[in-house]
Amino acid sequence: MLGTRLSAQDKLLVAALALSVLVFALSVVCCGSYVPAAGPAYGDDATTEEEQVYTIGGEGGEVSINGTVVLRLRVGAGGFTAEERALIIRQRLSDLVAVGIEPGDVHAGMVRGQWLVLAGDAIIITADAEHARGNDMCTPYLAVTWARNIAAALGGEPGPPSTTIAGSWPGGMPTAGWRPSEPYKDKEVPVISIGRGIRVGMARVTGPTSKVNGVKAVAQLESRLQEFGDVEIYVPISTETPGESLDRVNECAVVGLADLQL
């Protein structure tokens, strides 16, 4: 009886050993490790994507994202030096990437007559006239260029401008390699109401420097279209006292209005 009982125990031990070897072999084959892997209930979630980390930096007037310079400020504006402006912009970008900014959130737009680079409704930087002249372009195109640079450093394309600016250039928006034949310039001039002959506010015009220098005012024309009702049209002109002819200045566009007193 004892011999039979021991034989049964031996068989049980052999079976248990064989099962342990099988489990060990399966663990090595499936996990590539001699340590059995934790089950799904105890392991990390392997499907979690690694979040992109962006480093905002730069020296002096430079602003960079992950080592790529997206804009370079050489002069001050708004009471701040170029270095102070760059520091403010770096902080704004740091705050935006911390909340998950996407490349498509970045776009150019105009607010209160100023062309800006925005992320949603948040301001990143104002495209000022001094830097536009230094880059031989107008302020709308400078805003588009800066927005393009920032979005590219974030790994994508910028969103479309929130303000229509295609009319500023023949044939629509310029391409990345476009450069004007001469530096562009912004200028503020009075708005003259045609028909009443009075000043009703100020407008900002942009265009080639030689053309903008000839703009003395912007004519406000009032018209009524059957489908849209009353429409106001603004035309850059070369006189502050328009007569029968408007004396329009070609190649210039109105890009902002301010302080209208209608």
Protein backbone atom coordinates (compact mmCIF):
# COMPACT_ATOMS: atom_id res chain seq x y z
CA MET A 1 0.00 0.00 0.00
CA LEU A 2 2.85 2.38 0.89
CA GLY A 3 4.64 1.69 -2.42
CA THR A 4 1.45 2.42 -4.36
CA ARG A 5 0.82 5.66 -2.40
CA LEU A 6 4.39 6.95 -3.05
CA SER A 7 4.12 6.18 -6.72
CA ALA A 8 0.96 8.28 -6.96
CA GLN A 9 2.66 11.20 -5.20
CA ASP A 10 5.63 10.97 -7.52
CA LYS A 11 3.31 11.13 -10.50
CA LEU A 12 1.60 14.20 -9.06
CA LEU A 13 4.93 15.96 -8.48
CA VAL A 14 6.11 15.19 -12.00
CA ALA A 15 2.86 16.53 -13.44
CA ALA A 16 3.17 19.76 -11.39
CA LEU A 17 6.79 20.18 -12.46
CA ALA A 18 5.88 19.66 -16.11
CA LEU A 19 3.11 22.27 -15.84
CA SER A 20 5.53 24.80 -14.26
CA VAL A 21 8.05 24.23 -17.07
CA LEU A 22 5.31 24.75 -19.68
CA VAL A 23 4.15 28.03 -18.07
CA PHE A 24 7.77 29.24 -17.88
CA ALA A 25 8.39 28.40 -21.54
CA LEU A 26 5.22 30.22 -22.63
CA SER A 27 6.24 33.29 -20.62
CA VAL A 28 9.63 33.44 -22.34
CA VAL A 29 8.13 33.01 -25.81
CA CYS A 30 5.35 35.58 -25.37
CA CYS A 31 7.13 38.23 -23.29
CA GLY A 32 10.75 37.88 -24.29
CA SER A 33 11.72 37.83 -20.62
CA TYR A 34 12.50 35.22 -17.97
CA VAL A 35 10.22 37.15 -15.62
CA PRO A 36 6.53 36.43 -16.16
CA ALA A 37 4.67 39.52 -17.33
CA ALA A 38 2.02 41.13 -15.19
CA GLY A 39 -1.52 40.62 -16.30
CA PRO A 40 -3.55 43.46 -17.88
CA ALA A 41 -5.15 44.27 -14.52
CA TYR A 42 -1.76 45.05 -12.97
CA GLY A 43 0.40 46.25 -15.87
CA ASP A 44 0.69 49.69 -17.47
CA ASP A 45 -1.66 50.66 -20.28
CA ALA A 46 0.42 49.92 -23.37
CA THR A 47 -1.96 51.88 -25.64
CA THR A 48 -1.29 55.24 -23.97
CA GLU A 49 0.47 57.50 -26.49
CA GLU A 50 3.51 59.45 -25.37
CA GLU A 51 2.67 63.15 -25.13
CA GLN A 52 4.75 65.53 -27.25
CA VAL A 53 6.93 67.79 -25.13
CA TYR A 54 7.83 71.24 -26.48
CA THR A 55 10.68 73.34 -25.12
CA ILE A 56 10.24 77.10 -25.49
CA GLY A 57 13.48 79.05 -25.45
CA GLY A 58 15.66 81.60 -27.19
CA GLU A 59 18.18 84.27 -26.36
CA GLY A 60 17.81 88.02 -26.62
CA GLY A 61 15.05 88.81 -29.10
CA GLU A 62 14.76 85.24 -30.40
CA VAL A 63 11.87 82.86 -29.71
CA SER A 64 12.40 79.17 -30.41
CA ILE A 65 10.42 75.95 -30.12
CA ASN A 66 12.50 72.79 -29.59
CA GLY A 67 15.57 74.67 -30.77
CA THR A 68 13.98 76.05 -33.96
CA VAL A 69 13.82 79.87 -34.10
CA VAL A 70 10.26 80.82 -35.07
CA LEU A 71 10.66 84.60 -34.89
CA ARG A 72 13.37 87.13 -34.18
CA LEU A 73 12.68 90.60 -32.73
CA ARG A 74 15.16 93.37 -33.39
CA VAL A 75 13.30 96.47 -32.18
CA GLY A 76 10.96 97.20 -29.31
CA ALA A 77 7.27 98.08 -29.46
CA GLY A 78 4.49 99.05 -27.08
CA GLY A 79 6.94 100.37 -24.51
CA PHE A 80 8.89 97.07 -24.34
CA THR A 81 12.37 96.34 -25.64
CA ALA A 82 12.90 93.54 -28.16
CA GLU A 83 14.26 91.31 -25.39
CA GLU A 84 11.27 92.04 -23.13
CA ARG A 85 8.82 91.31 -25.93
CA ALA A 86 10.58 88.02 -26.67
CA LEU A 87 10.40 87.05 -22.99
CA ILE A 88 6.65 87.76 -22.92
CA ILE A 89 6.09 85.73 -26.08
CA ARG A 90 8.08 82.79 -24.72
CA GLN A 91 5.89 82.79 -21.62
CA ARG A 92 2.73 82.95 -23.71
CA LEU A 93 3.87 79.99 -25.82
CA SER A 94 4.86 78.04 -22.70
CA ASP A 95 1.38 78.57 -21.27
CA LEU A 96 -0.23 77.52 -24.55
CA VAL A 97 1.75 74.31 -25.01
CA ALA A 98 1.01 73.43 -21.38
CA VAL A 99 -2.72 73.33 -22.18
CA GLY A 100 -2.24 71.37 -25.42
CA ILE A 101 -1.92 73.87 -28.27
CA GLU A 102 -2.27 72.31 -31.75
CA PRO A 103 -0.60 73.63 -34.94
CA GLY A 104 -4.01 74.32 -36.49
CA ASP A 105 -4.91 76.57 -33.54
CA VAL A 106 -2.25 79.05 -34.64
CA HIS A 107 -3.38 81.59 -37.22
CA ALA A 108 -3.11 85.21 -38.33
CA GLY A 109 -5.93 87.63 -37.67
CA MET A 110 -6.76 91.29 -37.20
CA VAL A 111 -8.04 92.78 -33.92
CA ARG A 112 -8.80 96.51 -33.62
CA GLY A 113 -6.80 97.32 -36.72
CA GLN A 114 -3.72 95.34 -35.64
CA TRP A 115 -2.51 92.17 -37.35
CA LEU A 116 -1.71 89.48 -34.80
CA VAL A 117 -0.61 85.87 -34.48
CA LEU A 118 -3.25 84.08 -32.42
CA ALA A 119 -3.85 80.67 -30.90
CA GLY A 120 -7.61 80.47 -30.84
CA ASP A 121 -8.52 83.79 -29.21
CA ALA A 122 -5.21 84.10 -27.31
CA ILE A 123 -2.69 86.64 -28.58
CA ILE A 124 0.84 85.38 -29.25
CA ILE A 125 2.40 88.45 -30.91
CA THR A 126 1.50 91.62 -32.81
CA ALA A 127 2.91 91.93 -36.32
CA ASP A 128 4.19 95.51 -36.05
CA ALA A 129 5.01 97.77 -38.97
CA GLU A 130 8.70 98.13 -38.01
CA HIS A 131 9.41 94.40 -38.30
CA ALA A 132 7.28 94.19 -41.46
CA ARG A 133 9.45 96.86 -43.10
CA GLY A 134 12.60 95.13 -41.89
CA ASN A 135 11.44 91.93 -43.62
CA ASP A 136 10.30 93.71 -46.81
CA MET A 137 6.67 92.75 -46.34
CA CYS A 138 3.39 94.14 -45.06
CA THR A 139 1.98 93.41 -41.59
CA PRO A 140 -0.66 90.86 -42.74
CA TYR A 141 1.99 88.78 -44.49
CA LEU A 142 4.34 89.09 -41.50
CA ALA A 143 1.58 87.71 -39.25
CA VAL A 144 1.00 84.85 -41.71
CA THR A 145 4.75 84.11 -41.86
CA TRP A 146 5.16 84.04 -38.08
CA ALA A 147 2.06 81.85 -37.71
CA ARG A 148 3.50 79.49 -40.30
CA ASN A 149 6.82 79.26 -38.45
CA ILE A 150 5.19 78.55 -35.08
CA ALA A 151 2.83 75.91 -36.48
CA ALA A 152 5.68 74.20 -38.34
CA ALA A 153 7.74 74.00 -35.13
CA LEU A 154 4.71 72.39 -33.48
CA GLY A 155 4.66 69.79 -36.25
CA GLY A 156 1.89 70.95 -38.58
CA GLU A 157 0.23 73.69 -40.61
CA PRO A 158 -1.39 76.87 -39.26
CA GLY A 159 -5.10 77.51 -39.42
CA PRO A 160 -6.48 79.92 -42.04
CA PRO A 161 -6.39 83.64 -41.25
CA SER A 162 -9.46 84.70 -39.28
CA THR A 163 -9.65 87.91 -41.34
CA THR A 164 -9.83 87.97 -45.13
CA ILE A 165 -6.59 89.38 -46.50
CA ALA A 166 -6.43 87.82 -49.96
CA GLY A 167 -7.44 91.13 -51.53
CA SER A 168 -4.16 92.67 -50.41
CA TRP A 169 -2.29 90.80 -53.14
CA PRO A 170 -3.17 90.25 -56.80
CA GLY A 171 -4.11 86.61 -57.29
CA GLY A 172 -4.72 85.93 -53.59
CA MET A 173 -2.41 85.06 -50.73
CA PRO A 174 1.32 85.00 -51.50
CA THR A 175 3.22 81.74 -51.41
CA ALA A 176 6.02 81.02 -48.95
CA GLY A 177 8.66 82.17 -51.44
CA TRP A 178 6.86 85.38 -52.48
CA ARG A 179 8.66 88.69 -52.01
CA PRO A 180 7.36 92.12 -53.06
CA SER A 181 9.22 94.17 -55.65
CA GLU A 182 9.75 96.87 -53.00
CA PRO A 183 9.29 97.10 -49.21
CA TYR A 184 5.71 97.34 -47.99
CA LYS A 185 4.50 100.02 -45.61
CA ASP A 186 1.53 100.67 -43.34
CA LYS A 187 0.04 104.12 -42.89
CA GLU A 188 -2.91 105.65 -41.04
CA VAL A 189 -5.04 108.17 -42.90
CA PRO A 190 -8.44 109.83 -42.35
CA VAL A 191 -11.65 108.28 -43.66
CA ILE A 192 -13.71 110.70 -45.74
CA SER A 193 -17.43 110.10 -46.24
CA ILE A 194 -18.16 110.67 -49.92
CA GLY A 195 -21.39 112.64 -50.29
CA ARG A 196 -21.00 114.33 -46.92
CA GLY A 197 -17.37 115.37 -47.29
CA ILE A 198 -16.56 114.91 -43.59
CA ARG A 199 -14.06 112.85 -41.68
CA VAL A 200 -15.64 109.84 -40.02
CA GLY A 201 -12.62 108.07 -38.57
CA MET A 202 -9.18 106.67 -39.33
CA ALA A 203 -8.08 103.79 -41.53
CA ARG A 204 -4.87 101.83 -41.94
CA VAL A 205 -3.69 101.13 -45.48
CA THR A 206 -0.88 98.89 -46.67
CA GLY A 207 0.97 98.38 -49.92
CA PRO A 208 4.26 99.13 -51.70
CA THR A 209 6.00 102.08 -50.05
CA SER A 210 5.94 104.27 -53.17
CA LYS A 211 2.17 103.75 -53.49
CA VAL A 212 1.30 104.16 -49.80
CA ASN A 213 3.21 107.45 -49.69
CA GLY A 214 0.68 108.80 -52.20
CA VAL A 215 -2.38 107.83 -50.13
CA LYS A 216 -3.88 110.89 -48.40
CA ALA A 217 -7.21 109.46 -47.26
CA VAL A 218 -9.67 106.61 -47.60
CA ALA A 219 -13.00 107.29 -49.28
CA GLN A 220 -16.05 105.71 -47.67
CA LEU A 221 -18.65 104.90 -50.29
CA GLU A 222 -22.15 103.93 -49.27
CA SER A 223 -24.02 101.61 -51.58
CA ARG A 224 -27.07 99.41 -51.44
CA LEU A 225 -27.02 95.91 -52.86
CA GLN A 226 -30.30 94.11 -53.33
CA GLU A 227 -29.15 90.91 -51.63
CA PHE A 228 -27.03 92.39 -48.84
CA GLY A 229 -28.59 95.75 -48.01
CA ASP A 230 -26.39 98.76 -47.20
CA VAL A 231 -22.71 98.19 -47.93
CA GLU A 232 -19.77 100.45 -47.11
CA ILE A 233 -16.80 100.37 -49.47
CA TYR A 234 -13.40 101.85 -48.57
CA VAL A 235 -11.04 103.07 -51.29
CA PRO A 236 -7.50 104.49 -50.79
CA ILE A 237 -7.31 107.86 -52.57
CA SER A 238 -4.61 110.46 -53.28
CA THR A 239 -6.52 113.50 -51.98
CA GLU A 240 -8.36 114.58 -48.83
CA THR A 241 -10.93 116.53 -50.85
CA PRO A 242 -12.24 114.15 -53.50
CA GLY A 243 -14.16 115.68 -56.37
CA GLU A 244 -16.05 113.93 -59.12
CA SER A 245 -13.22 111.40 -59.50
CA LEU A 246 -11.94 109.39 -56.56
CA ASP A 247 -8.25 109.50 -57.54
CA ARG A 248 -7.83 105.92 -56.35
CA VAL A 249 -4.34 104.67 -55.49
CA ASN A 250 -3.83 101.22 -56.96
CA GLU A 251 -1.96 98.32 -55.26
CA CYS A 252 -2.98 99.55 -51.81
CA ALA A 253 -5.51 97.92 -49.49
CA VAL A 254 -7.42 98.99 -46.40
CA VAL A 255 -6.55 96.58 -43.57
CA GLY A 256 -8.08 98.27 -40.54
CA LEU A 257 -10.54 100.87 -39.28
CA ALA A 258 -10.54 102.74 -35.98
CA ASP A 259 -12.60 105.24 -34.03
CA LEU A 260 -15.48 105.58 -36.45
CA GLN A 261 -17.88 108.40 -35.54
CA LEU A 262 -20.74 107.89 -37.98
